[in-house]
N, C-alpha and C. Protein backbone atom coordinates (compact mmCIF):
# COMPACT_ATOMS: atom_id res chain seq x y z
N MET A 1 -3.65 -8.69 38.10
CA MET A 1 -4.82 -8.39 37.29
C MET A 1 -4.43 -7.67 36.00
N PHE A 2 -3.50 -6.69 36.11
CA PHE A 2 -3.05 -5.94 34.94
C PHE A 2 -2.38 -6.86 33.92
N LYS A 3 -1.55 -7.80 34.41
CA LYS A 3 -0.85 -8.72 33.52
C LYS A 3 -1.83 -9.62 32.77
N LYS A 4 -2.86 -10.10 33.47
CA LYS A 4 -3.85 -10.97 32.81
C LYS A 4 -4.61 -10.20 31.73
N THR A 5 -4.99 -8.97 32.03
CA THR A 5 -5.68 -8.13 31.04
C THR A 5 -4.78 -7.88 29.84
N LEU A 6 -3.52 -7.62 30.10
CA LEU A 6 -2.56 -7.37 29.03
C LEU A 6 -2.39 -8.62 28.16
N ILE A 7 -2.33 -9.77 28.76
CA ILE A 7 -2.18 -11.03 28.02
C ILE A 7 -3.43 -11.29 27.16
N VAL A 8 -4.61 -11.07 27.73
CA VAL A 8 -5.85 -11.27 26.97
C VAL A 8 -5.89 -10.30 25.78
N PHE A 9 -5.54 -9.05 26.03
CA PHE A 9 -5.50 -8.06 24.95
C PHE A 9 -4.51 -8.48 23.86
N TYR A 10 -3.33 -8.95 24.24
CA TYR A 10 -2.31 -9.38 23.29
C TYR A 10 -2.79 -10.57 22.45
N VAL A 11 -3.44 -11.53 23.09
CA VAL A 11 -3.94 -12.70 22.36
C VAL A 11 -5.03 -12.29 21.37
N LEU A 12 -5.96 -11.44 21.80
CA LEU A 12 -7.01 -10.97 20.89
C LEU A 12 -6.42 -10.17 19.72
N PHE A 13 -5.48 -9.29 20.03
CA PHE A 13 -4.81 -8.51 19.00
C PHE A 13 -4.11 -9.43 18.00
N SER A 14 -3.42 -10.44 18.50
CA SER A 14 -2.71 -11.40 17.64
C SER A 14 -3.67 -12.16 16.74
N LEU A 15 -4.80 -12.58 17.28
CA LEU A 15 -5.79 -13.30 16.47
C LEU A 15 -6.37 -12.42 15.37
N ILE A 16 -6.62 -11.16 15.70
CA ILE A 16 -7.15 -10.24 14.68
C ILE A 16 -6.13 -10.02 13.58
N ILE A 17 -4.87 -9.80 13.95
CA ILE A 17 -3.81 -9.57 12.96
C ILE A 17 -3.60 -10.82 12.10
N LEU A 18 -3.59 -12.00 12.71
CA LEU A 18 -3.42 -13.23 11.94
C LEU A 18 -4.60 -13.48 11.01
N SER A 19 -5.80 -13.12 11.44
CA SER A 19 -6.98 -13.25 10.56
C SER A 19 -6.85 -12.29 9.38
N TYR A 20 -6.37 -11.09 9.64
CA TYR A 20 -6.19 -10.08 8.59
C TYR A 20 -5.20 -10.54 7.52
N VAL A 21 -4.06 -11.09 7.94
CA VAL A 21 -3.08 -11.54 6.95
C VAL A 21 -3.48 -12.85 6.29
N SER A 22 -4.45 -13.56 6.87
CA SER A 22 -4.91 -14.82 6.29
C SER A 22 -5.95 -14.62 5.18
N LEU A 23 -6.50 -13.43 5.07
CA LEU A 23 -7.48 -13.18 4.02
C LEU A 23 -6.83 -13.38 2.65
N PRO A 24 -7.58 -13.87 1.67
CA PRO A 24 -6.99 -14.11 0.34
C PRO A 24 -6.58 -12.82 -0.36
N ASN A 25 -5.64 -12.95 -1.30
CA ASN A 25 -5.18 -11.81 -2.08
C ASN A 25 -6.28 -11.31 -3.01
N TYR A 26 -6.11 -10.09 -3.45
CA TYR A 26 -6.99 -9.50 -4.45
C TYR A 26 -6.55 -9.96 -5.84
N ASN A 27 -7.44 -9.79 -6.80
CA ASN A 27 -7.07 -9.94 -8.20
C ASN A 27 -6.52 -8.60 -8.67
N PHE A 28 -5.97 -8.57 -9.87
CA PHE A 28 -5.48 -7.31 -10.41
C PHE A 28 -6.65 -6.34 -10.46
N PRO A 29 -6.46 -5.09 -10.02
CA PRO A 29 -7.57 -4.14 -9.96
C PRO A 29 -8.12 -3.82 -11.36
N THR A 30 -9.41 -3.54 -11.41
CA THR A 30 -10.04 -3.20 -12.69
C THR A 30 -9.80 -1.73 -13.01
N PRO A 31 -9.69 -1.41 -14.30
CA PRO A 31 -9.44 -0.01 -14.68
C PRO A 31 -10.71 0.83 -14.59
N PRO A 32 -10.57 2.16 -14.62
CA PRO A 32 -11.75 3.03 -14.64
C PRO A 32 -12.64 2.70 -15.84
N PRO A 33 -13.95 2.90 -15.72
CA PRO A 33 -14.89 2.48 -16.77
C PRO A 33 -14.63 3.04 -18.17
N ASP A 34 -14.18 4.26 -18.29
CA ASP A 34 -14.02 4.84 -19.63
C ASP A 34 -12.65 4.58 -20.24
N SER A 35 -11.81 3.81 -19.58
CA SER A 35 -10.41 3.68 -20.01
C SER A 35 -10.22 2.66 -21.12
N VAL A 36 -9.08 2.81 -21.79
CA VAL A 36 -8.67 1.89 -22.86
C VAL A 36 -7.27 1.41 -22.51
N GLN A 37 -7.05 0.10 -22.57
CA GLN A 37 -5.74 -0.44 -22.21
C GLN A 37 -4.73 -0.12 -23.31
N SER A 38 -3.53 0.25 -22.89
CA SER A 38 -2.45 0.56 -23.81
C SER A 38 -1.92 -0.73 -24.44
N LYS A 39 -1.65 -0.68 -25.72
CA LYS A 39 -1.10 -1.84 -26.44
C LYS A 39 0.38 -1.64 -26.77
N GLU A 40 0.98 -0.60 -26.19
CA GLU A 40 2.40 -0.35 -26.41
C GLU A 40 3.21 -1.50 -25.82
N PRO A 41 4.26 -1.97 -26.51
CA PRO A 41 5.04 -3.12 -26.04
C PRO A 41 5.58 -2.95 -24.61
N ALA A 42 6.04 -1.75 -24.27
CA ALA A 42 6.58 -1.52 -22.91
C ALA A 42 5.50 -1.66 -21.85
N ASP A 43 4.24 -1.42 -22.22
CA ASP A 43 3.15 -1.51 -21.26
C ASP A 43 2.59 -2.92 -21.13
N MET A 44 3.12 -3.84 -21.92
CA MET A 44 2.62 -5.22 -21.88
C MET A 44 3.71 -6.22 -21.49
N GLU A 45 4.81 -5.73 -20.95
CA GLU A 45 5.94 -6.59 -20.59
C GLU A 45 5.63 -7.50 -19.40
N GLU A 46 4.93 -6.97 -18.43
CA GLU A 46 4.69 -7.72 -17.19
C GLU A 46 3.19 -7.87 -16.95
N PRO A 47 2.74 -9.03 -16.49
CA PRO A 47 1.31 -9.22 -16.24
C PRO A 47 0.78 -8.42 -15.03
N LEU A 48 1.67 -8.03 -14.11
CA LEU A 48 1.24 -7.28 -12.93
C LEU A 48 1.45 -5.77 -13.08
N ARG A 49 1.70 -5.32 -14.31
CA ARG A 49 1.81 -3.90 -14.60
C ARG A 49 1.06 -3.64 -15.92
N LYS A 50 0.02 -2.79 -15.83
CA LYS A 50 -0.79 -2.48 -17.00
C LYS A 50 -0.97 -0.98 -17.10
N ALA A 51 -1.11 -0.52 -18.34
CA ALA A 51 -1.30 0.91 -18.59
C ALA A 51 -2.64 1.14 -19.27
N TYR A 52 -3.25 2.28 -18.94
CA TYR A 52 -4.55 2.64 -19.50
C TYR A 52 -4.57 4.12 -19.85
N PHE A 53 -5.38 4.46 -20.83
CA PHE A 53 -5.66 5.85 -21.16
C PHE A 53 -7.05 6.16 -20.62
N THR A 54 -7.18 7.28 -19.94
CA THR A 54 -8.45 7.61 -19.29
C THR A 54 -8.68 9.12 -19.30
N ASN A 55 -9.94 9.48 -19.14
CA ASN A 55 -10.31 10.89 -19.00
C ASN A 55 -10.61 11.23 -17.54
N TYR A 56 -10.39 10.30 -16.64
CA TYR A 56 -10.55 10.56 -15.22
C TYR A 56 -9.47 11.54 -14.75
N THR A 57 -9.78 12.34 -13.74
CA THR A 57 -8.79 13.21 -13.12
C THR A 57 -7.94 12.38 -12.16
N ARG A 58 -6.89 12.99 -11.65
CA ARG A 58 -6.04 12.30 -10.68
C ARG A 58 -6.84 11.83 -9.48
N ASN A 59 -7.65 12.71 -8.89
CA ASN A 59 -8.44 12.34 -7.71
C ASN A 59 -9.43 11.23 -8.02
N GLU A 60 -10.04 11.26 -9.20
CA GLU A 60 -10.99 10.21 -9.57
C GLU A 60 -10.28 8.87 -9.73
N VAL A 61 -9.09 8.88 -10.32
CA VAL A 61 -8.31 7.65 -10.49
C VAL A 61 -7.94 7.07 -9.13
N LEU A 62 -7.43 7.92 -8.24
CA LEU A 62 -7.02 7.45 -6.91
C LEU A 62 -8.22 6.93 -6.11
N SER A 63 -9.34 7.62 -6.20
CA SER A 63 -10.55 7.18 -5.50
C SER A 63 -11.03 5.84 -6.05
N TRP A 64 -10.94 5.68 -7.36
CA TRP A 64 -11.38 4.44 -8.01
C TRP A 64 -10.58 3.24 -7.49
N TYR A 65 -9.27 3.38 -7.45
CA TYR A 65 -8.43 2.25 -7.01
C TYR A 65 -8.47 2.05 -5.50
N LYS A 66 -8.55 3.13 -4.76
CA LYS A 66 -8.64 3.00 -3.30
C LYS A 66 -9.94 2.29 -2.91
N ALA A 67 -11.03 2.60 -3.62
CA ALA A 67 -12.32 1.96 -3.32
C ALA A 67 -12.26 0.45 -3.54
N GLN A 68 -11.46 0.01 -4.50
CA GLN A 68 -11.34 -1.42 -4.76
C GLN A 68 -10.57 -2.15 -3.66
N PHE A 69 -9.75 -1.41 -2.91
CA PHE A 69 -8.92 -2.04 -1.88
C PHE A 69 -9.36 -1.71 -0.46
N ASP A 70 -10.43 -0.96 -0.29
CA ASP A 70 -10.89 -0.62 1.05
C ASP A 70 -11.47 -1.81 1.81
N TYR A 71 -12.04 -2.76 1.08
CA TYR A 71 -12.70 -3.90 1.70
C TYR A 71 -12.08 -5.19 1.21
N SER A 72 -12.08 -6.21 2.07
CA SER A 72 -11.48 -7.49 1.69
C SER A 72 -12.28 -8.14 0.57
N SER A 73 -11.61 -9.00 -0.17
CA SER A 73 -12.27 -9.69 -1.27
C SER A 73 -13.25 -10.75 -0.76
N VAL A 74 -13.11 -11.16 0.49
CA VAL A 74 -14.02 -12.13 1.10
C VAL A 74 -14.66 -11.48 2.33
N GLY A 75 -15.95 -11.49 2.42
CA GLY A 75 -16.63 -10.97 3.59
C GLY A 75 -16.79 -9.47 3.63
N LYS A 76 -16.21 -8.76 2.69
CA LYS A 76 -16.31 -7.30 2.60
C LYS A 76 -16.01 -6.62 3.94
N ILE A 77 -14.91 -7.04 4.56
CA ILE A 77 -14.45 -6.46 5.82
C ILE A 77 -13.59 -5.24 5.52
N LYS A 78 -13.84 -4.14 6.23
CA LYS A 78 -13.06 -2.91 6.04
C LYS A 78 -11.63 -3.16 6.49
N LEU A 79 -10.67 -2.89 5.61
CA LEU A 79 -9.26 -3.12 5.90
C LEU A 79 -8.53 -1.79 6.07
N PRO A 80 -7.43 -1.80 6.83
CA PRO A 80 -6.63 -0.58 6.91
C PRO A 80 -5.96 -0.33 5.56
N THR A 81 -6.31 0.76 4.93
CA THR A 81 -5.78 1.10 3.60
C THR A 81 -5.16 2.48 3.67
N TYR A 82 -3.93 2.58 3.22
CA TYR A 82 -3.21 3.86 3.27
C TYR A 82 -2.84 4.29 1.86
N LEU A 83 -2.93 5.58 1.62
CA LEU A 83 -2.56 6.16 0.34
C LEU A 83 -1.27 6.95 0.56
N LEU A 84 -0.18 6.47 -0.04
CA LEU A 84 1.12 7.10 0.12
C LEU A 84 1.48 7.87 -1.15
N ASN A 85 2.15 8.98 -0.99
CA ASN A 85 2.51 9.84 -2.11
C ASN A 85 4.03 9.80 -2.31
N TYR A 86 4.47 9.69 -3.57
CA TYR A 86 5.89 9.66 -3.91
C TYR A 86 6.19 10.78 -4.91
N PRO A 87 7.43 11.23 -4.96
CA PRO A 87 7.80 12.19 -6.01
C PRO A 87 7.69 11.50 -7.37
N PRO A 88 7.22 12.20 -8.40
CA PRO A 88 7.07 11.58 -9.73
C PRO A 88 8.38 11.00 -10.28
N GLU A 89 9.52 11.55 -9.87
CA GLU A 89 10.80 11.06 -10.36
C GLU A 89 11.05 9.60 -9.99
N GLU A 90 10.44 9.14 -8.91
CA GLU A 90 10.66 7.76 -8.46
C GLU A 90 9.95 6.73 -9.33
N SER A 91 9.09 7.19 -10.22
CA SER A 91 8.40 6.25 -11.11
C SER A 91 9.39 5.52 -12.01
N GLN A 92 10.55 6.14 -12.28
CA GLN A 92 11.58 5.52 -13.11
C GLN A 92 12.12 4.24 -12.46
N SER A 93 12.18 4.22 -11.14
CA SER A 93 12.69 3.02 -10.45
C SER A 93 11.58 2.11 -9.94
N ILE A 94 10.43 2.67 -9.60
CA ILE A 94 9.35 1.85 -9.05
C ILE A 94 8.49 1.22 -10.15
N ILE A 95 8.13 1.99 -11.15
CA ILE A 95 7.23 1.50 -12.21
C ILE A 95 8.02 0.88 -13.35
N ARG A 96 8.80 1.71 -14.04
CA ARG A 96 9.57 1.24 -15.19
C ARG A 96 10.52 2.35 -15.61
N ASP A 97 11.68 1.96 -16.10
CA ASP A 97 12.64 2.92 -16.61
C ASP A 97 12.01 3.75 -17.73
N GLN A 98 12.26 5.02 -17.75
CA GLN A 98 11.77 5.97 -18.75
C GLN A 98 10.25 6.19 -18.69
N THR A 99 9.67 5.99 -17.53
CA THR A 99 8.24 6.25 -17.35
C THR A 99 8.03 7.74 -17.12
N ARG A 100 7.13 8.34 -17.89
CA ARG A 100 6.79 9.75 -17.68
C ARG A 100 5.73 9.81 -16.59
N SER A 101 5.82 10.84 -15.75
CA SER A 101 4.95 10.87 -14.59
C SER A 101 4.66 12.30 -14.13
N THR A 102 3.40 12.53 -13.74
CA THR A 102 3.06 13.77 -13.05
C THR A 102 2.67 13.47 -11.61
N PHE A 103 2.33 12.20 -11.34
CA PHE A 103 2.11 11.79 -9.95
C PHE A 103 2.37 10.29 -9.81
N LEU A 104 2.76 9.90 -8.60
CA LEU A 104 2.98 8.49 -8.27
C LEU A 104 2.48 8.28 -6.85
N GLN A 105 1.50 7.40 -6.71
CA GLN A 105 0.96 7.12 -5.38
C GLN A 105 0.82 5.62 -5.19
N GLU A 106 0.72 5.23 -3.94
CA GLU A 106 0.63 3.81 -3.59
C GLU A 106 -0.55 3.60 -2.66
N VAL A 107 -1.35 2.60 -2.98
CA VAL A 107 -2.42 2.15 -2.09
C VAL A 107 -1.88 0.88 -1.44
N VAL A 108 -1.76 0.91 -0.12
CA VAL A 108 -1.10 -0.20 0.57
C VAL A 108 -1.95 -0.73 1.72
N HIS A 109 -1.88 -2.05 1.88
CA HIS A 109 -2.40 -2.72 3.06
C HIS A 109 -1.16 -3.19 3.83
N PRO A 110 -0.95 -2.69 5.04
CA PRO A 110 0.24 -3.12 5.80
C PRO A 110 0.29 -4.64 5.94
N PHE A 111 1.47 -5.20 5.77
CA PHE A 111 1.73 -6.65 5.85
C PHE A 111 1.06 -7.43 4.71
N ARG A 112 0.53 -6.73 3.71
CA ARG A 112 -0.16 -7.43 2.62
C ARG A 112 0.25 -6.85 1.27
N GLU A 113 -0.69 -6.75 0.35
CA GLU A 113 -0.40 -6.29 -1.01
C GLU A 113 -0.36 -4.77 -1.12
N THR A 114 0.12 -4.33 -2.30
CA THR A 114 0.21 -2.91 -2.57
C THR A 114 -0.04 -2.67 -4.06
N VAL A 115 -0.52 -1.47 -4.37
CA VAL A 115 -0.77 -1.08 -5.76
C VAL A 115 -0.15 0.30 -5.97
N PHE A 116 0.73 0.40 -6.96
CA PHE A 116 1.29 1.69 -7.34
C PHE A 116 0.47 2.25 -8.50
N ILE A 117 0.17 3.54 -8.43
CA ILE A 117 -0.60 4.21 -9.46
C ILE A 117 0.24 5.38 -9.97
N ASN A 118 0.65 5.28 -11.22
CA ASN A 118 1.43 6.34 -11.84
C ASN A 118 0.55 7.02 -12.88
N GLY A 119 0.53 8.33 -12.87
CA GLY A 119 -0.26 9.07 -13.85
C GLY A 119 0.59 10.08 -14.58
N TYR A 120 0.32 10.19 -15.87
CA TYR A 120 0.99 11.23 -16.67
C TYR A 120 -0.08 12.03 -17.38
N GLU A 121 -0.17 13.30 -17.04
CA GLU A 121 -1.13 14.21 -17.67
C GLU A 121 -0.36 15.38 -18.26
N PRO A 122 -0.34 15.49 -19.59
CA PRO A 122 0.38 16.61 -20.20
C PRO A 122 -0.22 17.94 -19.76
N ALA A 123 0.63 18.95 -19.68
CA ALA A 123 0.17 20.28 -19.30
C ALA A 123 -0.83 20.80 -20.33
N THR A 124 -1.78 21.61 -19.89
CA THR A 124 -2.77 22.20 -20.79
C THR A 124 -2.05 23.05 -21.84
N GLY A 125 -2.42 22.85 -23.09
CA GLY A 125 -1.80 23.59 -24.18
C GLY A 125 -0.52 22.96 -24.70
N ASP A 126 -0.10 21.82 -24.12
CA ASP A 126 1.11 21.12 -24.56
C ASP A 126 0.73 20.16 -25.69
N ASP A 127 0.64 20.69 -26.91
CA ASP A 127 0.21 19.87 -28.05
C ASP A 127 1.24 18.80 -28.42
N LYS A 128 2.52 19.04 -28.11
CA LYS A 128 3.57 18.09 -28.44
C LYS A 128 3.39 16.76 -27.69
N ASN A 129 2.99 16.82 -26.42
CA ASN A 129 2.85 15.62 -25.59
C ASN A 129 1.40 15.18 -25.42
N ARG A 130 0.51 15.78 -26.17
CA ARG A 130 -0.90 15.42 -26.09
C ARG A 130 -1.11 13.92 -26.32
N ILE A 131 -2.02 13.32 -25.57
CA ILE A 131 -2.26 11.88 -25.69
C ILE A 131 -3.44 11.65 -26.64
N VAL A 132 -3.12 11.15 -27.82
CA VAL A 132 -4.15 10.84 -28.82
C VAL A 132 -3.91 9.41 -29.27
N ILE A 133 -4.89 8.56 -29.04
CA ILE A 133 -4.82 7.15 -29.43
C ILE A 133 -6.01 6.85 -30.34
N ASP A 134 -5.73 6.36 -31.54
CA ASP A 134 -6.75 6.04 -32.53
C ASP A 134 -7.72 7.20 -32.74
N GLY A 135 -7.19 8.40 -32.79
CA GLY A 135 -8.00 9.59 -33.04
C GLY A 135 -8.75 10.12 -31.84
N THR A 136 -8.61 9.48 -30.69
CA THR A 136 -9.30 9.92 -29.47
C THR A 136 -8.31 10.61 -28.55
N HIS A 137 -8.69 11.80 -28.07
CA HIS A 137 -7.86 12.56 -27.13
C HIS A 137 -8.16 12.07 -25.71
N TRP A 138 -7.09 11.76 -24.95
CA TRP A 138 -7.22 11.29 -23.57
C TRP A 138 -6.58 12.28 -22.62
N ARG A 139 -7.18 12.40 -21.47
CA ARG A 139 -6.67 13.32 -20.44
C ARG A 139 -5.32 12.87 -19.90
N GLN A 140 -5.20 11.56 -19.61
CA GLN A 140 -3.95 11.07 -19.03
C GLN A 140 -3.75 9.59 -19.29
N LYS A 141 -2.51 9.19 -19.08
CA LYS A 141 -2.15 7.77 -19.14
C LYS A 141 -1.80 7.35 -17.72
N ILE A 142 -2.40 6.26 -17.27
CA ILE A 142 -2.09 5.74 -15.95
C ILE A 142 -1.44 4.36 -16.09
N ILE A 143 -0.51 4.09 -15.21
CA ILE A 143 0.13 2.78 -15.16
C ILE A 143 -0.11 2.22 -13.77
N ILE A 144 -0.66 1.01 -13.73
CA ILE A 144 -0.98 0.36 -12.46
C ILE A 144 -0.02 -0.80 -12.28
N LYS A 145 0.66 -0.83 -11.14
CA LYS A 145 1.57 -1.93 -10.82
C LYS A 145 1.09 -2.57 -9.52
N TYR A 146 0.67 -3.81 -9.64
CA TYR A 146 0.13 -4.55 -8.49
C TYR A 146 1.23 -5.46 -7.95
N ILE A 147 1.45 -5.40 -6.63
CA ILE A 147 2.46 -6.25 -5.99
C ILE A 147 1.76 -7.08 -4.91
N PRO A 148 1.40 -8.31 -5.26
CA PRO A 148 0.77 -9.18 -4.27
C PRO A 148 1.81 -9.76 -3.31
N SER A 149 1.35 -10.34 -2.24
CA SER A 149 2.26 -11.02 -1.31
C SER A 149 1.78 -12.46 -1.14
N THR A 150 2.70 -13.35 -0.86
CA THR A 150 2.32 -14.74 -0.65
C THR A 150 1.85 -14.92 0.79
N PHE A 151 0.91 -15.82 0.96
CA PHE A 151 0.36 -16.08 2.29
C PHE A 151 1.46 -16.51 3.27
N ILE A 152 2.31 -17.43 2.87
CA ILE A 152 3.35 -17.97 3.75
C ILE A 152 4.29 -16.85 4.22
N LEU A 153 4.74 -16.02 3.29
CA LEU A 153 5.68 -14.96 3.64
C LEU A 153 5.06 -13.96 4.62
N ARG A 154 3.84 -13.50 4.33
CA ARG A 154 3.24 -12.51 5.24
C ARG A 154 2.88 -13.13 6.58
N PHE A 155 2.55 -14.43 6.61
CA PHE A 155 2.24 -15.10 7.87
C PHE A 155 3.51 -15.21 8.73
N ILE A 156 4.63 -15.56 8.11
CA ILE A 156 5.90 -15.67 8.84
C ILE A 156 6.33 -14.31 9.38
N ILE A 157 6.23 -13.27 8.55
CA ILE A 157 6.61 -11.92 8.99
C ILE A 157 5.71 -11.45 10.13
N THR A 158 4.42 -11.75 10.04
CA THR A 158 3.48 -11.36 11.10
C THR A 158 3.79 -12.11 12.39
N LEU A 159 4.05 -13.42 12.31
CA LEU A 159 4.40 -14.18 13.51
C LEU A 159 5.68 -13.65 14.16
N ALA A 160 6.66 -13.30 13.34
CA ALA A 160 7.90 -12.75 13.88
C ALA A 160 7.64 -11.40 14.56
N SER A 161 6.80 -10.58 13.96
CA SER A 161 6.46 -9.29 14.56
C SER A 161 5.70 -9.47 15.87
N LEU A 162 4.75 -10.40 15.88
CA LEU A 162 3.99 -10.65 17.10
C LEU A 162 4.88 -11.23 18.21
N ALA A 163 5.85 -12.06 17.83
CA ALA A 163 6.77 -12.62 18.82
C ALA A 163 7.69 -11.54 19.39
N ALA A 164 7.96 -10.53 18.60
CA ALA A 164 8.85 -9.45 19.07
C ALA A 164 8.16 -8.54 20.09
N ILE A 165 6.86 -8.46 20.05
CA ILE A 165 6.13 -7.55 20.95
C ILE A 165 6.39 -7.87 22.42
N PRO A 166 6.22 -9.13 22.88
CA PRO A 166 6.49 -9.41 24.31
C PRO A 166 7.96 -9.18 24.69
N VAL A 167 8.86 -9.48 23.75
CA VAL A 167 10.29 -9.28 24.03
C VAL A 167 10.57 -7.78 24.24
N LEU A 168 10.05 -6.96 23.34
CA LEU A 168 10.24 -5.52 23.46
C LEU A 168 9.55 -4.97 24.71
N TYR A 169 8.38 -5.50 25.00
CA TYR A 169 7.65 -5.05 26.19
C TYR A 169 8.45 -5.35 27.45
N SER A 170 8.97 -6.59 27.60
CA SER A 170 9.71 -6.91 28.82
C SER A 170 11.01 -6.13 28.90
N ALA A 171 11.65 -5.86 27.75
CA ALA A 171 12.86 -5.04 27.77
C ALA A 171 12.53 -3.62 28.21
N PHE A 172 11.42 -3.09 27.71
CA PHE A 172 11.01 -1.74 28.08
C PHE A 172 10.66 -1.67 29.56
N VAL A 173 9.91 -2.64 30.08
CA VAL A 173 9.51 -2.64 31.49
C VAL A 173 10.72 -2.74 32.40
N SER A 174 11.66 -3.64 32.07
CA SER A 174 12.85 -3.77 32.93
C SER A 174 13.71 -2.51 32.87
N GLU A 175 13.82 -1.89 31.70
CA GLU A 175 14.60 -0.65 31.58
C GLU A 175 13.91 0.48 32.33
N PHE A 176 12.61 0.54 32.24
CA PHE A 176 11.85 1.57 32.95
C PHE A 176 12.00 1.39 34.47
N SER A 177 11.95 0.15 34.94
CA SER A 177 12.12 -0.12 36.37
C SER A 177 13.52 0.28 36.83
N PHE A 178 14.52 -0.03 36.00
CA PHE A 178 15.89 0.33 36.33
C PHE A 178 16.04 1.85 36.43
N LEU A 179 15.49 2.58 35.47
CA LEU A 179 15.56 4.04 35.49
C LEU A 179 14.82 4.62 36.70
N LYS A 180 13.71 4.01 37.05
CA LYS A 180 12.94 4.47 38.21
C LYS A 180 13.75 4.29 39.50
N LYS A 181 14.43 3.15 39.63
CA LYS A 181 15.27 2.90 40.81
C LYS A 181 16.44 3.87 40.85
N MET A 182 17.04 4.13 39.71
CA MET A 182 18.18 5.07 39.64
C MET A 182 17.74 6.47 40.07
N THR A 183 16.57 6.88 39.62
CA THR A 183 16.05 8.21 39.96
C THR A 183 15.77 8.29 41.45
N LYS A 184 15.19 7.24 42.04
CA LYS A 184 14.90 7.23 43.48
C LYS A 184 16.18 7.27 44.29
N SER A 185 17.20 6.51 43.88
CA SER A 185 18.44 6.48 44.64
C SER A 185 19.15 7.83 44.60
N ARG A 186 19.04 8.56 43.53
CA ARG A 186 19.66 9.89 43.44
C ARG A 186 18.93 10.91 44.29
N ARG A 187 17.63 10.75 44.41
CA ARG A 187 16.84 11.67 45.26
C ARG A 187 17.18 11.47 46.71
N ILE A 188 17.39 10.22 47.13
CA ILE A 188 17.67 9.90 48.52
C ILE A 188 19.01 10.50 48.94
N LYS A 189 20.00 10.46 48.08
CA LYS A 189 21.32 10.99 48.42
C LYS A 189 21.27 12.46 48.45
């Protein structure tokens, strides 16, 4: 009875995971409403990396982008969304060489796409690094890097992961049984 329940649970879990990775990709996320896109050459090198000037705070920027990825683009299904934090120094390797940063965070869907959000906000009173574009003072510059995944690749990785579960389970059960027998035989002696 336990084995049948476990098999049914595994099949249902597998179907849910396969449905999750089968959902279509998102489009590039939209910027905060008050923002202006940067026209600097370095900010226009790649179509999946864009920079904006905004007056939003760090928390408002992160909430804005997380809200765009909380639900699927089809059916508005709530998806597992995680917000990961990185040291600002890593923006040089993750976003772009010579990127200035005060924070770097990632909004990720496991087995799917991810969005890196880099923000640079000059310290209060730092007139040298103040962000002024066309006579307008901006609170910070954000750089958004979107990394989509292909359906085929994530489907193959998911199938491989799902195939590994029964193998790991049987290895764990046989090892556990072996340890249980060893413990019993030592008690008897």
